[in-house]
Amino acid sequence: MQLVMRQSRADTGPASVTNPASADVGALLARVTAAEAERDAALAEIDKLHVLIKQLQRAQFGRRSESSIRTNSASRLRIRNRATP
């Protein structure tokens, strides 16, 4: 009987002690999940702001300016590439 009691004590002893490493992993996973949620919210806000900027530019300058902005940017890029050896 003593052998059985020793086994039961050994089984309950280490299992009842919490592993600090597993607690740290859980805390880190929670922090990662929270950071990912913040990142997703920030990206959604950035997308909304980009749409708002496009709407304001269209309201102020009209649709024709959108194509001229793209053309001017492409021209500047071509000029810059020619100037760079």
PDB file of N, CA and C in Angstrom:
ATOM      1  N   MET A   1       0.803  -1.194   0.000  1.00  0.00           N
ATOM      2  CA  MET A   1       0.000   0.000   0.000  1.00  0.00           C
ATOM      3  C   MET A   1       0.851   1.264   0.000  1.00  0.00           C
ATOM      4  N   GLN A   2       1.951   1.214   0.637  1.00  0.00           N
ATOM      5  CA  GLN A   2       2.800   2.390   0.692  1.00  0.00           C
ATOM      6  C   GLN A   2       3.298   2.769  -0.701  1.00  0.00           C
ATOM      7  N   LEU A   3       3.556   1.767  -1.517  1.00  0.00           N
ATOM      8  CA  LEU A   3       3.994   2.024  -2.873  1.00  0.00           C
ATOM      9  C   LEU A   3       2.920   2.758  -3.658  1.00  0.00           C
ATOM     10  N   VAL A   4       1.708   2.379  -3.509  1.00  0.00           N
ATOM     11  CA  VAL A   4       0.593   3.037  -4.197  1.00  0.00           C
ATOM     12  C   VAL A   4       0.461   4.472  -3.715  1.00  0.00           C
ATOM     13  N   MET A   5       0.626   4.693  -2.431  1.00  0.00           N
ATOM     14  CA  MET A   5       0.516   6.045  -1.901  1.00  0.00           C
ATOM     15  C   MET A   5       1.637   6.929  -2.423  1.00  0.00           C
ATOM     16  N   ARG A   6       2.818   6.391  -2.537  1.00  0.00           N
ATOM     17  CA  ARG A   6       3.927   7.179  -3.061  1.00  0.00           C
ATOM     18  C   ARG A   6       3.676   7.560  -4.514  1.00  0.00           C
ATOM     19  N   GLN A   7       3.151   6.647  -5.291  1.00  0.00           N
ATOM     20  CA  GLN A   7       2.863   6.953  -6.691  1.00  0.00           C
ATOM     21  C   GLN A   7       1.791   8.033  -6.799  1.00  0.00           C
ATOM     22  N   SER A   8       0.786   7.945  -5.978  1.00  0.00           N
ATOM     23  CA  SER A   8      -0.273   8.938  -6.059  1.00  0.00           C
ATOM     24  C   SER A   8       0.240  10.317  -5.638  1.00  0.00           C
ATOM     25  N   ARG A   9       1.125  10.352  -4.638  1.00  0.00           N
ATOM     26  CA  ARG A   9       1.695  11.629  -4.240  1.00  0.00           C
ATOM     27  C   ARG A   9       2.575  12.197  -5.355  1.00  0.00           C
ATOM     28  N   ALA A  10       3.331  11.341  -5.992  1.00  0.00           N
ATOM     29  CA  ALA A  10       4.196  11.789  -7.077  1.00  0.00           C
ATOM     30  C   ALA A  10       3.363  12.279  -8.254  1.00  0.00           C
ATOM     31  N   ASP A  11       2.244  11.631  -8.512  1.00  0.00           N
ATOM     32  CA  ASP A  11       1.387  12.042  -9.629  1.00  0.00           C
ATOM     33  C   ASP A  11       0.728  13.381  -9.357  1.00  0.00           C
ATOM     34  N   THR A  12       0.316  13.616  -8.124  1.00  0.00           N
ATOM     35  CA  THR A  12      -0.380  14.871  -7.831  1.00  0.00           C
ATOM     36  C   THR A  12       0.589  16.011  -7.558  1.00  0.00           C
ATOM     37  N   GLY A  13       1.771  15.724  -7.107  1.00  0.00           N
ATOM     38  CA  GLY A  13       2.736  16.760  -6.760  1.00  0.00           C
ATOM     39  C   GLY A  13       3.121  17.639  -7.931  1.00  0.00           C
ATOM     40  N   PRO A  14       3.826  17.113  -8.929  1.00  0.00           N
ATOM     41  CA  PRO A  14       4.267  17.964 -10.031  1.00  0.00           C
ATOM     42  C   PRO A  14       3.117  18.527 -10.858  1.00  0.00           C
ATOM     43  N   ALA A  15       2.022  17.818 -10.950  1.00  0.00           N
ATOM     44  CA  ALA A  15       0.902  18.300 -11.755  1.00  0.00           C
ATOM     45  C   ALA A  15       0.245  19.525 -11.117  1.00  0.00           C
ATOM     46  N   SER A  16       0.308  19.609  -9.792  1.00  0.00           N
ATOM     47  CA  SER A  16      -0.337  20.736  -9.130  1.00  0.00           C
ATOM     48  C   SER A  16       0.509  22.013  -9.201  1.00  0.00           C
ATOM     49  N   VAL A  17       1.791  21.876  -9.461  1.00  0.00           N
ATOM     50  CA  VAL A  17       2.668  23.041  -9.571  1.00  0.00           C
ATOM     51  C   VAL A  17       2.514  23.628 -10.973  1.00  0.00           C
ATOM     52  N   THR A  18       2.237  24.916 -11.056  1.00  0.00           N
ATOM     53  CA  THR A  18       2.086  25.545 -12.369  1.00  0.00           C
ATOM     54  C   THR A  18       3.448  25.783 -12.989  1.00  0.00           C
ATOM     55  N   ASN A  19       3.504  25.613 -14.264  1.00  0.00           N
ATOM     56  CA  ASN A  19       4.744  25.809 -15.012  1.00  0.00           C
ATOM     57  C   ASN A  19       4.815  27.276 -15.422  1.00  0.00           C
ATOM     58  N   PRO A  20       5.796  28.010 -14.946  1.00  0.00           N
ATOM     59  CA  PRO A  20       5.872  29.444 -15.284  1.00  0.00           C
ATOM     60  C   PRO A  20       6.063  29.680 -16.780  1.00  0.00           C
ATOM     61  N   ALA A  21       6.733  28.763 -17.458  1.00  0.00           N
ATOM     62  CA  ALA A  21       6.940  28.931 -18.897  1.00  0.00           C
ATOM     63  C   ALA A  21       5.615  28.874 -19.645  1.00  0.00           C
ATOM     64  N   SER A  22       4.721  27.973 -19.244  1.00  0.00           N
ATOM     65  CA  SER A  22       3.432  27.894 -19.934  1.00  0.00           C
ATOM     66  C   SER A  22       2.590  29.130 -19.657  1.00  0.00           C
ATOM     67  N   ALA A  23       2.716  29.700 -18.473  1.00  0.00           N
ATOM     68  CA  ALA A  23       1.999  30.942 -18.171  1.00  0.00           C
ATOM     69  C   ALA A  23       2.542  32.079 -19.027  1.00  0.00           C
ATOM     70  N   ASP A  24       3.864  32.120 -19.214  1.00  0.00           N
ATOM     71  CA  ASP A  24       4.465  33.146 -20.056  1.00  0.00           C
ATOM     72  C   ASP A  24       4.022  33.012 -21.502  1.00  0.00           C
ATOM     73  N   VAL A  25       3.945  31.777 -21.988  1.00  0.00           N
ATOM     74  CA  VAL A  25       3.512  31.540 -23.365  1.00  0.00           C
ATOM     75  C   VAL A  25       2.080  32.016 -23.546  1.00  0.00           C
ATOM     76  N   GLY A  26       1.243  31.713 -22.575  1.00  0.00           N
ATOM     77  CA  GLY A  26      -0.150  32.160 -22.654  1.00  0.00           C
ATOM     78  C   GLY A  26      -0.264  33.677 -22.661  1.00  0.00           C
ATOM     79  N   ALA A  27       0.539  34.320 -21.826  1.00  0.00           N
ATOM     80  CA  ALA A  27       0.515  35.784 -21.782  1.00  0.00           C
ATOM     81  C   ALA A  27       1.020  36.374 -23.089  1.00  0.00           C
ATOM     82  N   LEU A  28       2.064  35.770 -23.639  1.00  0.00           N
ATOM     83  CA  LEU A  28       2.601  36.258 -24.912  1.00  0.00           C
ATOM     84  C   LEU A  28       1.600  36.066 -26.042  1.00  0.00           C
ATOM     85  N   LEU A  29       0.933  34.934 -26.060  1.00  0.00           N
ATOM     86  CA  LEU A  29      -0.083  34.708 -27.094  1.00  0.00           C
ATOM     87  C   LEU A  29      -1.216  35.722 -26.987  1.00  0.00           C
ATOM     88  N   ALA A  30      -1.601  36.047 -25.777  1.00  0.00           N
ATOM     89  CA  ALA A  30      -2.647  37.053 -25.583  1.00  0.00           C
ATOM     90  C   ALA A  30      -2.179  38.412 -26.090  1.00  0.00           C
ATOM     91  N   ARG A  31      -0.915  38.757 -25.820  1.00  0.00           N
ATOM     92  CA  ARG A  31      -0.384  40.038 -26.291  1.00  0.00           C
ATOM     93  C   ARG A  31      -0.286  40.082 -27.816  1.00  0.00           C
ATOM     94  N   VAL A  32       0.111  38.960 -28.418  1.00  0.00           N
ATOM     95  CA  VAL A  32       0.203  38.898 -29.879  1.00  0.00           C
ATOM     96  C   VAL A  32      -1.184  39.060 -30.496  1.00  0.00           C
ATOM     97  N   THR A  33      -2.157  38.383 -29.928  1.00  0.00           N
ATOM     98  CA  THR A  33      -3.525  38.492 -30.431  1.00  0.00           C
ATOM     99  C   THR A  33      -4.032  39.923 -30.323  1.00  0.00           C
ATOM    100  N   ALA A  34      -3.755  40.572 -29.209  1.00  0.00           N
ATOM    101  CA  ALA A  34      -4.172  41.964 -29.028  1.00  0.00           C
ATOM    102  C   ALA A  34      -3.462  42.879 -30.021  1.00  0.00           C
ATOM    103  N   ALA A  35      -2.172  42.640 -30.251  1.00  0.00           N
ATOM    104  CA  ALA A  35      -1.415  43.465 -31.202  1.00  0.00           C
ATOM    105  C   ALA A  35      -1.937  43.270 -32.622  1.00  0.00           C
ATOM    106  N   GLU A  36      -2.290  42.041 -32.963  1.00  0.00           N
ATOM    107  CA  GLU A  36      -2.841  41.786 -34.303  1.00  0.00           C
ATOM    108  C   GLU A  36      -4.180  42.489 -34.480  1.00  0.00           C
ATOM    109  N   ALA A  37      -4.996  42.489 -33.442  1.00  0.00           N
ATOM    110  CA  ALA A  37      -6.284  43.171 -33.516  1.00  0.00           C
ATOM    111  C   ALA A  37      -6.085  44.676 -33.687  1.00  0.00           C
ATOM    112  N   GLU A  38      -5.122  45.247 -32.960  1.00  0.00           N
ATOM    113  CA  GLU A  38      -4.822  46.677 -33.105  1.00  0.00           C
ATOM    114  C   GLU A  38      -4.324  46.989 -34.510  1.00  0.00           C
ATOM    115  N   ARG A  39      -3.451  46.116 -35.047  1.00  0.00           N
ATOM    116  CA  ARG A  39      -2.930  46.318 -36.398  1.00  0.00           C
ATOM    117  C   ARG A  39      -4.059  46.278 -37.427  1.00  0.00           C
ATOM    118  N   ASP A  40      -4.958  45.308 -37.290  1.00  0.00           N
ATOM    119  CA  ASP A  40      -6.072  45.198 -38.226  1.00  0.00           C
ATOM    120  C   ASP A  40      -6.973  46.427 -38.164  1.00  0.00           C
ATOM    121  N   ALA A  41      -7.210  46.916 -36.963  1.00  0.00           N
ATOM    122  CA  ALA A  41      -8.029  48.119 -36.811  1.00  0.00           C
ATOM    123  C   ALA A  41      -7.330  49.329 -37.432  1.00  0.00           C
ATOM    124  N   ALA A  42      -6.025  49.429 -37.245  1.00  0.00           N
ATOM    125  CA  ALA A  42      -5.274  50.550 -37.821  1.00  0.00           C
ATOM    126  C   ALA A  42      -5.284  50.479 -39.347  1.00  0.00           C
ATOM    127  N   LEU A  43      -5.125  49.290 -39.910  1.00  0.00           N
ATOM    128  CA  LEU A  43      -5.148  49.142 -41.370  1.00  0.00           C
ATOM    129  C   LEU A  43      -6.524  49.495 -41.938  1.00  0.00           C
ATOM    130  N   ALA A  44      -7.571  49.110 -41.236  1.00  0.00           N
ATOM    131  CA  ALA A  44      -8.922  49.461 -41.681  1.00  0.00           C
ATOM    132  C   ALA A  44      -9.110  50.977 -41.648  1.00  0.00           C
ATOM    133  N   GLU A  45      -8.593  51.625 -40.616  1.00  0.00           N
ATOM    134  CA  GLU A  45      -8.687  53.081 -40.517  1.00  0.00           C
ATOM    135  C   GLU A  45      -7.901  53.759 -41.634  1.00  0.00           C
ATOM    136  N   ILE A  46      -6.726  53.231 -41.954  1.00  0.00           N
ATOM    137  CA  ILE A  46      -5.920  53.777 -43.050  1.00  0.00           C
ATOM    138  C   ILE A  46      -6.667  53.657 -44.371  1.00  0.00           C
ATOM    139  N   ASP A  47      -7.296  52.512 -44.610  1.00  0.00           N
ATOM    140  CA  ASP A  47      -8.070  52.335 -45.837  1.00  0.00           C
ATOM    141  C   ASP A  47      -9.210  53.352 -45.927  1.00  0.00           C
ATOM    142  N   LYS A  48      -9.901  53.566 -44.812  1.00  0.00           N
ATOM    143  CA  LYS A  48     -10.987  54.553 -44.787  1.00  0.00           C
ATOM    144  C   LYS A  48     -10.455  55.948 -45.100  1.00  0.00           C
ATOM    145  N   LEU A  49      -9.293  56.278 -44.539  1.00  0.00           N
ATOM    146  CA  LEU A  49      -8.708  57.597 -44.779  1.00  0.00           C
ATOM    147  C   LEU A  49      -8.274  57.760 -46.236  1.00  0.00           C
ATOM    148  N   HIS A  50      -7.759  56.701 -46.839  1.00  0.00           N
ATOM    149  CA  HIS A  50      -7.390  56.775 -48.257  1.00  0.00           C
ATOM    150  C   HIS A  50      -8.616  57.043 -49.122  1.00  0.00           C
ATOM    151  N   VAL A  51      -9.711  56.369 -48.820  1.00  0.00           N
ATOM    152  CA  VAL A  51     -10.950  56.594 -49.567  1.00  0.00           C
ATOM    153  C   VAL A  51     -11.418  58.034 -49.380  1.00  0.00           C
ATOM    154  N   LEU A  52     -11.348  58.528 -48.166  1.00  0.00           N
ATOM    155  CA  LEU A  52     -11.761  59.897 -47.878  1.00  0.00           C
ATOM    156  C   LEU A  52     -10.884  60.903 -48.621  1.00  0.00           C
ATOM    157  N   ILE A  53      -9.586  60.663 -48.660  1.00  0.00           N
ATOM    158  CA  ILE A  53      -8.679  61.558 -49.386  1.00  0.00           C
ATOM    159  C   ILE A  53      -9.020  61.573 -50.865  1.00  0.00           C
ATOM    160  N   LYS A  54      -9.278  60.398 -51.436  1.00  0.00           N
ATOM    161  CA  LYS A  54      -9.640  60.332 -52.862  1.00  0.00           C
ATOM    162  C   LYS A  54     -10.931  61.093 -53.124  1.00  0.00           C
ATOM    163  N   GLN A  55     -11.906  60.955 -52.232  1.00  0.00           N
ATOM    164  CA  GLN A  55     -13.175  61.678 -52.401  1.00  0.00           C
ATOM    165  C   GLN A  55     -12.958  63.183 -52.327  1.00  0.00           C
ATOM    166  N   LEU A  56     -12.141  63.636 -51.399  1.00  0.00           N
ATOM    167  CA  LEU A  56     -11.878  65.067 -51.267  1.00  0.00           C
ATOM    168  C   LEU A  56     -11.110  65.603 -52.472  1.00  0.00           C
ATOM    169  N   GLN A  57     -10.149  64.824 -52.967  1.00  0.00           N
ATOM    170  CA  GLN A  57      -9.412  65.254 -54.148  1.00  0.00           C
ATOM    171  C   GLN A  57     -10.336  65.342 -55.359  1.00  0.00           C
ATOM    172  N   ARG A  58     -11.217  64.377 -55.492  1.00  0.00           N
ATOM    173  CA  ARG A  58     -12.150  64.392 -56.620  1.00  0.00           C
ATOM    174  C   ARG A  58     -13.098  65.576 -56.506  1.00  0.00           C
ATOM    175  N   ALA A  59     -13.554  65.866 -55.287  1.00  0.00           N
ATOM    176  CA  ALA A  59     -14.463  66.997 -55.095  1.00  0.00           C
ATOM    177  C   ALA A  59     -13.756  68.322 -55.383  1.00  0.00           C
ATOM    178  N   GLN A  60     -12.497  68.418 -55.026  1.00  0.00           N
ATOM    179  CA  GLN A  60     -11.774  69.673 -55.204  1.00  0.00           C
ATOM    180  C   GLN A  60     -11.266  69.839 -56.631  1.00  0.00           C
ATOM    181  N   PHE A  61     -10.703  68.788 -57.211  1.00  0.00           N
ATOM    182  CA  PHE A  61     -10.027  68.912 -58.495  1.00  0.00           C
ATOM    183  C   PHE A  61     -10.753  68.240 -59.655  1.00  0.00           C
ATOM    184  N   GLY A  62     -11.689  67.366 -59.379  1.00  0.00           N
ATOM    185  CA  GLY A  62     -12.413  66.670 -60.442  1.00  0.00           C
ATOM    186  C   GLY A  62     -11.691  65.411 -60.895  1.00  0.00           C
ATOM    187  N   ARG A  63     -12.360  64.636 -61.760  1.00  0.00           N
ATOM    188  CA  ARG A  63     -11.794  63.366 -62.213  1.00  0.00           C
ATOM    189  C   ARG A  63     -10.630  63.564 -63.163  1.00  0.00           C
ATOM    190  N   ARG A  64     -10.624  64.630 -63.909  1.00  0.00           N
ATOM    191  CA  ARG A  64      -9.542  64.848 -64.878  1.00  0.00           C
ATOM    192  C   ARG A  64      -8.192  64.984 -64.185  1.00  0.00           C
ATOM    193  N   SER A  65      -8.190  65.535 -62.992  1.00  0.00           N
ATOM    194  CA  SER A  65      -6.928  65.722 -62.283  1.00  0.00           C
ATOM    195  C   SER A  65      -6.331  64.386 -61.847  1.00  0.00           C
ATOM    196  N   GLU A  66      -7.191  63.378 -61.612  1.00  0.00           N
ATOM    197  CA  GLU A  66      -6.683  62.069 -61.221  1.00  0.00           C
ATOM    198  C   GLU A  66      -5.802  61.479 -62.305  1.00  0.00           C
ATOM    199  N   SER A  67      -6.234  61.598 -63.549  1.00  0.00           N
ATOM    200  CA  SER A  67      -5.421  61.046 -64.630  1.00  0.00           C
ATOM    201  C   SER A  67      -4.173  61.902 -64.854  1.00  0.00           C
ATOM    202  N   SER A  68      -4.283  63.207 -64.675  1.00  0.00           N
ATOM    203  CA  SER A  68      -3.108  64.055 -64.860  1.00  0.00           C
ATOM    204  C   SER A  68      -2.085  63.822 -63.748  1.00  0.00           C
ATOM    205  N   ILE A  69      -2.558  63.506 -62.557  1.00  0.00           N
ATOM    206  CA  ILE A  69      -1.639  63.204 -61.458  1.00  0.00           C
ATOM    207  C   ILE A  69      -0.864  61.942 -61.780  1.00  0.00           C
ATOM    208  N   ARG A  70      -1.559  60.918 -62.289  1.00  0.00           N
ATOM    209  CA  ARG A  70      -0.872  59.680 -62.664  1.00  0.00           C
ATOM    210  C   ARG A  70       0.119  59.929 -63.791  1.00  0.00           C
ATOM    211  N   THR A  71      -0.268  60.734 -64.780  1.00  0.00           N
ATOM    212  CA  THR A  71       0.616  61.022 -65.908  1.00  0.00           C
ATOM    213  C   THR A  71       1.833  61.803 -65.451  1.00  0.00           C
ATOM    214  N   ASN A  72       1.630  62.809 -64.613  1.00  0.00           N
ATOM    215  CA  ASN A  72       2.751  63.602 -64.105  1.00  0.00           C
ATOM    216  C   ASN A  72       3.699  62.744 -63.268  1.00  0.00           C
ATOM    217  N   SER A  73       3.153  61.858 -62.459  1.00  0.00           N
ATOM    218  CA  SER A  73       4.003  60.994 -61.634  1.00  0.00           C
ATOM    219  C   SER A  73       4.819  60.066 -62.509  1.00  0.00           C
ATOM    220  N   ALA A  74       4.201  59.515 -63.550  1.00  0.00           N
ATOM    221  CA  ALA A  74       4.922  58.626 -64.454  1.00  0.00           C
ATOM    222  C   ALA A  74       6.004  59.391 -65.210  1.00  0.00           C
ATOM    223  N   SER A  75       5.701  60.622 -65.615  1.00  0.00           N
ATOM    224  CA  SER A  75       6.699  61.435 -66.322  1.00  0.00           C
ATOM    225  C   SER A  75       7.885  61.750 -65.423  1.00  0.00           C
ATOM    226  N   ARG A  76       7.608  62.114 -64.167  1.00  0.00           N
ATOM    227  CA  ARG A  76       8.686  62.405 -63.228  1.00  0.00           C
ATOM    228  C   ARG A  76       9.555  61.174 -62.990  1.00  0.00           C
ATOM    229  N   LEU A  77       8.910  60.014 -62.911  1.00  0.00           N
ATOM    230  CA  LEU A  77       9.661  58.785 -62.701  1.00  0.00           C
ATOM    231  C   LEU A  77      10.565  58.490 -63.891  1.00  0.00           C
ATOM    232  N   ARG A  78      10.058  58.701 -65.113  1.00  0.00           N
ATOM    233  CA  ARG A  78      10.872  58.468 -66.314  1.00  0.00           C
ATOM    234  C   ARG A  78      12.059  59.437 -66.373  1.00  0.00           C
ATOM    235  N   ILE A  79      11.803  60.698 -66.032  1.00  0.00           N
ATOM    236  CA  ILE A  79      12.866  61.697 -66.025  1.00  0.00           C
ATOM    237  C   ILE A  79      13.908  61.347 -64.978  1.00  0.00           C
ATOM    238  N   ARG A  80      13.457  60.942 -63.807  1.00  0.00           N
ATOM    239  CA  ARG A  80      14.372  60.583 -62.731  1.00  0.00           C
ATOM    240  C   ARG A  80      15.216  59.371 -63.134  1.00  0.00           C
ATOM    241  N   ASN A  81      14.618  58.398 -63.808  1.00  0.00           N
ATOM    242  CA  ASN A  81      15.363  57.211 -64.225  1.00  0.00           C
ATOM    243  C   ASN A  81      16.397  57.543 -65.295  1.00  0.00           C
ATOM    244  N   ARG A  82      16.098  58.483 -66.154  1.00  0.00           N
ATOM    245  CA  ARG A  82      17.058  58.886 -67.195  1.00  0.00           C
ATOM    246  C   ARG A  82      18.247  59.619 -66.574  1.00  0.00           C
ATOM    247  N   ALA A  83      17.959  60.424 -65.555  1.00  0.00           N
ATOM    248  CA  ALA A  83      19.011  61.230 -64.935  1.00  0.00           C
ATOM    249  C   ALA A  83      19.943  60.382 -64.082  1.00  0.00           C
ATOM    250  N   THR A  84      19.438  59.246 -63.600  1.00  0.00           N
ATOM    251  CA  THR A  84      20.263  58.387 -62.757  1.00  0.00           C
ATOM    252  C   THR A  84      21.128  57.491 -63.619  1.00  0.00           C
ATOM    253  N   PRO A  85      22.449  57.532 -63.453  1.00  0.00           N
ATOM    254  CA  PRO A  85      23.325  56.693 -64.303  1.00  0.00           C
ATOM    255  C   PRO A  85      23.286  55.245 -63.895  1.00  0.00           C
TER     256      PRO A  85
END
